[in-house]
Amino acid sequence: MPYIDRLISDSLLTAVKYYPAIIITGPRQSGKITLAKHLFPDYTFVNVEDTSTRIRALDDINGFLDGLGPNAIIDEIQNLPELLSSIQARVDRDKSLRYILTGSNNFSLLHNSMQSLAGRAALFTVLPFSFKELSRSDIDVSTSELMWRGFYPGTISDMIPPEIFYRNYYGTYIERDVRALGQVQYLDKFQLFMRLCAARVGSEINLASLSVEAGVTAPTISAWISLLKASYIAYSLPPYFANISKRLTKTPKLYFYDSGVLCYLLGIEHPSQLDTHPLRGAIFENIAVTELIKNRYNIAKEPNVYFYRENSGREVDIIEETPGGLNIYEVKAGATFQTDFTKNLKYLRDLLPNIQNSTVIYNGETQGKGLLNIRDI
C-alpha cells in the first residue's frame, strides 16, 4: 500500500527549522520511524535499542555521534540517555545540527530529554493513524472491521491480520515495556488487570473495584494505570469543571489509544462479533474520543478534551475546550440519527454560557466512509 500521509508532518517540518532536536514519542509500531525517514530521507538512522549499537556508543559517545554526521535519526533514545548531554553540547556549539530522537517510553524519555535539551527540543506525539488520515487513503471497510482492525500501520498499511498483529504486539508489550517500565511482581495479575480495564472502557476509573477483581492493592492499581499511560496503551479523560456546582464527578474515565488493542483484550476474534457485542457502543465512543485526541497531537498541541457528568448520572460524552468557547459532543454507535441523541446536549447548552457548537457523532452512512458521521444541532 502507498505511504499514507501523516497530518503531523507539517508541524514537524516547521519545527525542524527552529529546533536542533525533535523528540517524537508514541506507542511502539505507531509509525514514528516510517514518518521520520519519509520526512528526512537523507538523515543517518540508528536504533540504540540494539545491544551492540549501545555498547559501541557507550565505548566512545563522541566518536559515535561523529559517525552519524550532522543530521541523524536516533530511535529508542530512552535506552541510551547518556547521548543526550553530548547532543546538548553539540547543538549548543553548532546550531545547524539536527537530531530526530524517537522513543516509545513516555515518562523516562521526557524526563531525561527535557532536562538535557530544555529549550533546544520540540516535542511531538505520534499515535496510530487517525480516521482523518485513513479517509484520505483507499481504506474502505465496515465499521465493525475497522474497530477490530484498529489503526496501527501494521494492520492498515502492511495488512497484517489483526489476530496475528495484536497477539504479537501484546506479547512484545508485556515482555519489553512492562518489564522495563515498572516493577510488576505479579505478571499474571497485571494481564488480568489489563483485560479488566478493557471491559471498563469509557467508564470512570474505580481503583477499589479493580483492586478487588485483580487481587492487588489500590496503590498497585494506580501504579499500573500509570504504566499503561507511560507506554501509550491507555489514557485517562478528565472531567470538565466550570465551577457551576458540586454535582460534578471528579473521577476520570479510561480509554485506549487503539480500538484494535482494546478488541484483542476483550477477546474479540472477528469483526462480526462486534455487530452485537455489548461493548460496541463503548468501543465506538473510544474511537471518537481518541480521534479528537489525535487531532490535537497532530497539530503539536496538548489534548483539550474532557467529559461532563453529574452525580445524578446526566452526562455529555465529550467537551472540547477551544479559544472561541466549548464544543460539546454526544457519541452514539447507531447508524440512524434520532432526536433523542440531542437531549443531554441541549441540557448542557442551557447550563453553560460559552458553548459554540453542539454535535452528535454517530455511525451513519450518509457522509464520507461512514464510521464517524456528524450532525450539528
Protein backbone atom coordinates (compact mmCIF):
# COMPACT_ATOMS: atom_id res chain seq x y z
CA MET A 1 0.00 0.00 0.00
CA PRO A 2 1.29 3.52 -0.79
CA TYR A 3 2.57 5.67 2.04
CA ILE A 4 -0.28 7.30 3.97
CA ASP A 5 0.47 10.96 4.70
CA ARG A 6 0.51 11.85 8.38
CA LEU A 7 -1.23 15.04 9.45
CA ILE A 8 1.54 15.86 11.90
CA SER A 9 4.07 16.21 9.07
CA ASP A 10 3.65 19.96 8.55
CA SER A 11 4.22 20.69 12.23
CA LEU A 12 7.36 18.56 12.24
CA LEU A 13 8.78 20.22 9.14
CA THR A 14 8.12 23.65 10.63
CA ALA A 15 9.70 22.80 13.99
CA VAL A 16 12.90 21.40 12.48
CA LYS A 17 13.64 24.86 11.04
CA TYR A 18 13.90 26.29 14.54
CA TYR A 19 14.91 23.45 16.88
CA PRO A 20 18.09 21.35 16.64
CA ALA A 21 16.36 18.40 18.31
CA ILE A 22 12.94 16.94 17.57
CA ILE A 23 11.59 14.43 20.09
CA ILE A 24 8.93 12.05 18.77
CA THR A 25 7.17 9.82 21.29
CA GLY A 26 4.28 7.42 20.85
CA PRO A 27 3.42 3.73 21.13
CA ARG A 28 5.54 1.05 19.55
CA GLN A 29 4.80 0.48 15.86
CA SER A 30 2.71 3.65 15.51
CA GLY A 31 4.79 4.77 12.53
CA LYS A 32 7.31 7.09 14.21
CA ILE A 33 10.34 5.87 12.27
CA THR A 34 8.47 5.48 8.98
CA LEU A 35 7.37 9.09 9.35
CA ALA A 36 10.83 10.34 10.30
CA LYS A 37 12.53 8.52 7.42
CA HIS A 38 9.90 9.77 4.99
CA LEU A 39 10.29 13.41 6.05
CA PHE A 40 14.07 13.29 6.47
CA PRO A 41 15.33 10.71 3.95
CA ASP A 42 18.92 11.98 3.97
CA TYR A 43 19.39 11.66 7.75
CA THR A 44 21.54 8.85 9.13
CA PHE A 45 19.42 6.29 11.01
CA VAL A 46 20.45 4.30 14.08
CA ASN A 47 18.47 2.25 16.60
CA VAL A 48 20.01 2.26 20.07
CA GLU A 49 17.69 -0.48 21.29
CA ASP A 50 20.18 -2.80 19.61
CA THR A 51 22.63 -4.05 22.24
CA SER A 52 25.72 -3.97 20.03
CA THR A 53 24.93 -0.39 18.99
CA ARG A 54 24.57 0.69 22.62
CA ILE A 55 27.88 -0.93 23.57
CA ARG A 56 29.62 0.77 20.65
CA ALA A 57 28.12 4.14 21.57
CA LEU A 58 28.98 3.87 25.27
CA ASP A 59 32.54 2.93 24.42
CA ASP A 60 33.01 6.26 22.61
CA ILE A 61 29.99 8.60 22.68
CA ASN A 62 31.65 11.46 20.82
CA GLY A 63 33.05 9.14 18.19
CA PHE A 64 29.62 7.51 17.81
CA LEU A 65 27.91 10.87 17.26
CA ASP A 66 30.68 11.99 14.89
CA GLY A 67 29.96 8.92 12.79
CA LEU A 68 26.29 9.85 12.46
CA GLY A 69 27.10 13.13 10.75
CA PRO A 70 25.27 16.46 11.13
CA ASN A 71 21.75 15.05 10.64
CA ALA A 72 20.59 11.88 12.38
CA ILE A 73 17.52 9.91 13.43
CA ILE A 74 18.14 8.06 16.72
CA ASP A 75 15.45 5.52 17.56
CA GLU A 76 14.52 4.40 21.11
CA ILE A 77 16.73 7.09 22.62
CA GLN A 78 15.49 6.29 26.14
CA ASN A 79 17.72 3.21 26.03
CA LEU A 80 20.81 5.40 25.83
CA PRO A 81 20.18 8.59 27.83
CA GLU A 82 23.94 9.14 28.04
CA LEU A 83 23.75 10.51 24.49
CA LEU A 84 21.52 13.42 25.47
CA SER A 85 24.04 15.59 27.30
CA SER A 86 26.51 15.13 24.44
CA ILE A 87 23.84 16.09 21.93
CA GLN A 88 23.08 19.18 24.02
CA ALA A 89 26.73 20.24 23.97
CA ARG A 90 26.94 19.70 20.22
CA VAL A 91 23.84 21.68 19.29
CA ASP A 92 24.97 24.50 21.57
CA ARG A 93 28.23 24.69 19.61
CA ASP A 94 26.68 24.22 16.16
CA LYS A 95 23.13 25.46 15.55
CA SER A 96 22.97 23.75 12.16
CA LEU A 97 22.97 20.21 13.60
CA ARG A 98 19.68 18.33 13.56
CA TYR A 99 18.71 15.26 15.61
CA ILE A 100 15.39 13.41 15.41
CA LEU A 101 15.02 11.45 18.65
CA THR A 102 12.25 8.86 18.98
CA GLY A 103 11.04 6.62 21.75
CA SER A 104 8.05 4.60 22.93
CA ASN A 105 8.51 5.28 26.63
CA ASN A 106 6.71 8.47 27.62
CA PHE A 107 7.90 9.09 31.17
CA SER A 108 11.61 8.26 31.10
CA LEU A 109 12.17 9.70 27.64
CA LEU A 110 10.60 13.01 28.55
CA HIS A 111 12.30 13.21 31.94
CA ASN A 112 15.80 12.66 30.59
CA SER A 113 15.49 14.51 27.31
CA MET A 114 13.76 17.62 28.58
CA GLN A 115 16.33 18.03 31.35
CA SER A 116 19.23 17.79 28.90
CA LEU A 117 17.60 19.53 25.94
CA ALA A 118 15.39 22.12 27.62
CA GLY A 119 14.81 24.97 25.17
CA ARG A 120 16.54 23.06 22.38
CA ALA A 121 13.92 20.44 21.53
CA ALA A 122 10.39 20.38 20.14
CA LEU A 123 8.16 17.56 21.39
CA PHE A 124 5.67 15.59 19.28
CA THR A 125 3.43 12.58 19.88
CA VAL A 126 2.69 10.19 17.01
CA LEU A 127 -0.24 7.85 17.58
CA PRO A 128 -1.67 5.20 15.24
CA PHE A 129 -3.48 6.52 12.17
CA SER A 130 -6.37 8.89 12.73
CA PHE A 131 -9.68 8.46 10.96
CA LYS A 132 -8.92 11.67 9.07
CA GLU A 133 -5.71 10.15 7.73
CA LEU A 134 -7.40 6.91 6.72
CA SER A 135 -10.26 8.76 5.00
CA ARG A 136 -7.69 10.13 2.54
CA SER A 137 -6.46 6.63 1.70
CA ASP A 138 -8.01 3.69 -0.11
CA ILE A 139 -9.16 2.00 3.10
CA ASP A 140 -12.85 1.11 2.76
CA VAL A 141 -14.11 -1.37 5.34
CA SER A 142 -17.15 -1.71 7.55
CA THR A 143 -17.31 -0.02 10.93
CA SER A 144 -17.04 -3.35 12.75
CA GLU A 145 -13.98 -4.37 10.77
CA LEU A 146 -12.21 -1.06 11.32
CA MET A 147 -12.95 -1.20 15.06
CA TRP A 148 -11.50 -4.71 15.16
CA ARG A 149 -8.58 -3.99 12.81
CA GLY A 150 -7.57 -0.87 14.70
CA PHE A 151 -5.47 1.97 13.40
CA TYR A 152 -1.90 0.72 13.64
CA PRO A 153 0.12 0.86 10.40
CA GLY A 154 0.81 -2.86 10.74
CA THR A 155 -2.86 -3.78 10.29
CA ILE A 156 -3.56 -0.97 7.80
CA SER A 157 -0.53 -0.40 5.57
CA ASP A 158 1.08 -3.83 5.95
CA MET A 159 -2.25 -5.67 6.06
CA ILE A 160 -1.09 -8.00 8.84
CA PRO A 161 -4.14 -9.95 10.06
CA PRO A 162 -5.23 -8.33 13.34
CA GLU A 163 -5.30 -11.62 15.23
CA ILE A 164 -1.59 -12.06 14.42
CA PHE A 165 -0.56 -8.43 14.84
CA TYR A 166 -2.17 -7.82 18.23
CA ARG A 167 -1.12 -11.15 19.71
CA ASN A 168 2.50 -10.30 18.92
CA TYR A 169 2.08 -6.65 19.87
CA TYR A 170 0.68 -7.63 23.25
CA GLY A 171 3.39 -10.20 23.83
CA THR A 172 6.09 -7.69 22.96
CA TYR A 173 4.49 -5.09 25.22
CA ILE A 174 4.40 -7.45 28.19
CA GLU A 175 7.94 -8.72 27.66
CA ARG A 176 9.59 -5.36 26.89
CA ASP A 177 7.71 -2.34 28.15
CA VAL A 178 6.07 -3.78 31.26
CA ARG A 179 9.32 -5.29 32.48
CA ALA A 180 11.33 -2.17 31.58
CA LEU A 181 8.93 0.49 32.87
CA GLY A 182 7.73 -0.87 36.16
CA GLN A 183 8.23 -3.40 38.86
CA VAL A 184 5.33 -5.71 38.03
CA GLN A 185 5.75 -8.52 40.50
CA TYR A 186 2.64 -10.43 39.51
CA LEU A 187 2.62 -10.56 35.73
CA ASP A 188 -0.46 -12.79 35.55
CA LYS A 189 -2.43 -10.34 37.70
CA PHE A 190 -1.22 -7.44 35.55
CA GLN A 191 -2.55 -9.16 32.45
CA LEU A 192 -5.88 -9.75 34.20
CA PHE A 193 -5.85 -6.07 35.17
CA MET A 194 -5.42 -5.05 31.51
CA ARG A 195 -8.45 -7.11 30.49
CA LEU A 196 -10.49 -5.68 33.36
CA CYS A 197 -9.60 -2.19 32.15
CA ALA A 198 -10.71 -3.11 28.64
CA ALA A 199 -14.07 -4.27 29.98
CA ARG A 200 -14.46 -0.86 31.65
CA VAL A 201 -13.52 1.28 28.64
CA GLY A 202 -15.33 4.62 28.72
CA SER A 203 -16.16 4.21 32.40
CA GLU A 204 -14.90 6.14 35.38
CA ILE A 205 -11.81 4.61 36.96
CA ASN A 206 -12.70 2.74 40.14
CA LEU A 207 -9.46 1.77 41.89
CA ALA A 208 -11.23 -0.15 44.67
CA SER A 209 -13.22 -2.31 42.25
CA LEU A 210 -10.19 -3.08 40.08
CA SER A 211 -8.18 -3.85 43.20
CA VAL A 212 -10.68 -6.47 44.38
CA GLU A 213 -11.04 -8.15 40.98
CA ALA A 214 -7.32 -8.16 40.15
CA GLY A 215 -6.33 -9.25 43.65
CA VAL A 216 -3.81 -6.46 44.30
CA THR A 217 -3.84 -3.25 46.34
CA ALA A 218 -5.40 0.01 45.17
CA PRO A 219 -1.96 1.74 45.10
CA THR A 220 -0.74 -1.06 42.83
CA ILE A 221 -3.71 -0.48 40.51
CA SER A 222 -2.88 3.23 40.43
CA ALA A 223 0.75 2.44 39.55
CA TRP A 224 -0.36 0.03 36.82
CA ILE A 225 -2.66 2.63 35.27
CA SER A 226 0.32 4.99 35.18
CA LEU A 227 2.23 2.21 33.42
CA LEU A 228 -0.47 1.90 30.74
CA LYS A 229 -0.27 5.65 30.20
CA ALA A 230 3.52 5.71 30.08
CA SER A 231 3.58 3.10 27.33
CA TYR A 232 0.71 4.62 25.32
CA ILE A 233 -1.72 1.76 25.81
CA ALA A 234 -4.40 3.79 27.60
CA TYR A 235 -5.11 7.31 28.79
CA SER A 236 -7.47 8.97 31.23
CA LEU A 237 -10.06 11.55 30.19
CA PRO A 238 -10.57 14.17 32.92
CA PRO A 239 -13.98 15.58 33.86
CA TYR A 240 -14.79 19.15 32.90
CA PHE A 241 -15.09 21.68 35.71
CA ALA A 242 -16.65 25.11 35.25
CA ASN A 243 -17.29 25.83 38.94
CA ILE A 244 -21.03 25.55 38.37
CA SER A 245 -21.83 23.21 41.24
CA LYS A 246 -20.54 20.32 43.29
CA ARG A 247 -22.77 17.88 41.45
CA LEU A 248 -19.99 17.02 39.03
CA THR A 249 -17.99 13.81 39.20
CA LYS A 250 -14.29 14.15 39.94
CA THR A 251 -13.12 10.76 38.63
CA PRO A 252 -11.52 10.45 35.17
CA LYS A 253 -12.59 7.92 32.56
CA LEU A 254 -10.31 5.33 30.99
CA TYR A 255 -9.86 4.96 27.22
CA PHE A 256 -7.45 3.07 24.97
CA TYR A 257 -5.30 4.67 22.30
CA ASP A 258 -6.32 1.99 19.79
CA SER A 259 -9.51 0.02 19.28
CA GLY A 260 -7.61 -2.98 17.90
CA VAL A 261 -5.70 -3.40 21.16
CA LEU A 262 -8.99 -2.95 23.01
CA CYS A 263 -10.75 -5.63 20.94
CA TYR A 264 -7.86 -8.03 21.45
CA LEU A 265 -8.01 -7.59 25.22
CA LEU A 266 -11.77 -8.18 25.10
CA GLY A 267 -11.26 -11.48 23.28
CA ILE A 268 -12.96 -10.30 20.06
CA GLU A 269 -11.62 -12.56 17.30
CA HIS A 270 -13.75 -11.50 14.33
CA PRO A 271 -15.45 -8.24 13.29
CA SER A 272 -18.84 -9.96 13.15
CA GLN A 273 -18.72 -10.30 16.95
CA LEU A 274 -18.84 -6.51 17.19
CA ASP A 275 -22.19 -6.30 15.43
CA THR A 276 -23.94 -7.45 18.59
CA HIS A 277 -21.25 -7.04 21.23
CA PRO A 278 -22.47 -5.43 24.49
CA LEU A 279 -19.48 -3.06 24.44
CA ARG A 280 -19.90 -1.96 20.81
CA GLY A 281 -21.12 1.48 21.90
CA ALA A 282 -18.19 1.93 24.30
CA ILE A 283 -15.66 0.87 21.64
CA PHE A 284 -17.23 3.27 19.14
CA GLU A 285 -17.07 6.04 21.74
CA ASN A 286 -13.41 5.16 22.37
CA ILE A 287 -12.67 5.78 18.68
CA ALA A 288 -14.50 9.12 18.70
CA VAL A 289 -12.74 10.43 21.81
CA THR A 290 -9.34 9.22 20.61
CA GLU A 291 -9.88 10.89 17.24
CA LEU A 292 -10.15 14.26 18.97
CA ILE A 293 -7.02 13.46 21.00
CA LYS A 294 -5.16 12.61 17.78
CA ASN A 295 -6.37 15.81 16.12
CA ARG A 296 -4.65 17.82 18.86
CA TYR A 297 -1.40 15.89 18.81
CA ASN A 298 -1.32 16.17 15.00
CA ILE A 299 -1.10 19.94 15.30
CA ALA A 300 1.51 19.68 18.07
CA LYS A 301 -0.85 20.69 20.88
CA GLU A 302 -1.84 19.04 24.12
CA PRO A 303 -5.30 17.43 24.37
CA ASN A 304 -8.12 19.81 25.30
CA VAL A 305 -10.81 17.14 25.69
CA TYR A 306 -12.95 16.36 28.74
CA PHE A 307 -16.26 14.76 29.65
CA TYR A 308 -19.19 16.09 31.66
CA ARG A 309 -21.07 14.02 34.22
CA GLU A 310 -23.24 14.88 37.18
CA ASN A 311 -23.65 12.63 40.20
CA SER A 312 -27.23 12.16 39.07
CA GLY A 313 -25.92 10.34 36.00
CA ARG A 314 -26.65 13.07 33.44
CA GLU A 315 -23.71 13.08 31.05
CA VAL A 316 -22.26 14.57 27.86
CA ASP A 317 -19.59 12.37 26.31
CA ILE A 318 -17.06 14.98 25.17
CA ILE A 319 -16.31 18.62 25.87
CA GLU A 320 -13.63 20.23 23.70
CA GLU A 321 -12.19 23.47 25.03
CA THR A 322 -11.21 26.00 22.34
CA PRO A 323 -10.26 29.70 22.36
CA GLY A 324 -13.70 30.52 20.97
CA GLY A 325 -15.66 28.51 23.54
CA LEU A 326 -16.71 24.91 24.13
CA ASN A 327 -17.59 22.28 21.54
CA ILE A 328 -19.74 19.52 23.02
CA TYR A 329 -20.32 16.07 21.55
CA GLU A 330 -22.65 13.16 22.12
CA VAL A 331 -21.42 9.82 20.71
CA LYS A 332 -23.83 7.14 19.54
CA ALA A 333 -23.00 3.88 17.78
CA GLY A 334 -26.35 3.77 15.99
CA ALA A 335 -26.45 4.21 12.20
CA THR A 336 -29.67 6.23 12.24
CA PHE A 337 -29.85 9.69 13.78
CA GLN A 338 -32.52 10.07 16.46
CA THR A 339 -33.68 13.30 18.05
CA ASP A 340 -33.22 11.71 21.48
CA PHE A 341 -29.45 11.86 20.85
CA THR A 342 -29.56 15.63 21.44
CA LYS A 343 -31.26 15.62 24.84
CA ASN A 344 -28.18 16.00 27.02
CA LEU A 345 -26.53 18.41 24.60
CA LYS A 346 -29.49 20.77 24.86
CA TYR A 347 -29.43 20.45 28.64
CA LEU A 348 -25.76 21.43 28.80
CA ARG A 349 -26.23 24.30 26.37
CA ASP A 350 -28.74 25.81 28.77
CA LEU A 351 -26.37 25.25 31.70
CA LEU A 352 -23.07 26.56 30.30
CA PRO A 353 -22.88 30.00 28.69
CA ASN A 354 -19.87 29.56 26.40
CA ILE A 355 -20.87 26.67 24.12
CA GLN A 356 -20.23 27.41 20.46
CA ASN A 357 -21.01 24.05 18.79
CA SER A 358 -23.16 21.05 19.72
CA THR A 359 -22.58 17.90 17.68
CA VAL A 360 -23.76 14.29 17.57
CA ILE A 361 -21.15 11.78 16.37
CA TYR A 362 -22.81 8.60 15.15
CA ASN A 363 -22.26 5.63 12.88
CA GLY A 364 -24.20 6.99 9.90
CA GLU A 365 -23.55 6.17 6.30
CA THR A 366 -24.51 9.43 4.61
CA GLN A 367 -21.11 11.16 4.61
CA GLY A 368 -17.56 10.06 3.96
CA LYS A 369 -16.92 6.40 4.69
CA GLY A 370 -19.46 6.10 7.41
CA LEU A 371 -17.68 5.47 10.67
CA LEU A 372 -17.63 8.91 12.31
CA ASN A 373 -20.58 10.80 10.92
CA ILE A 374 -21.53 14.13 12.49
CA ARG A 375 -24.67 16.18 12.83
CA ASP A 376 -24.67 19.64 14.33
CA ILE A 377 -27.66 20.79 16.35
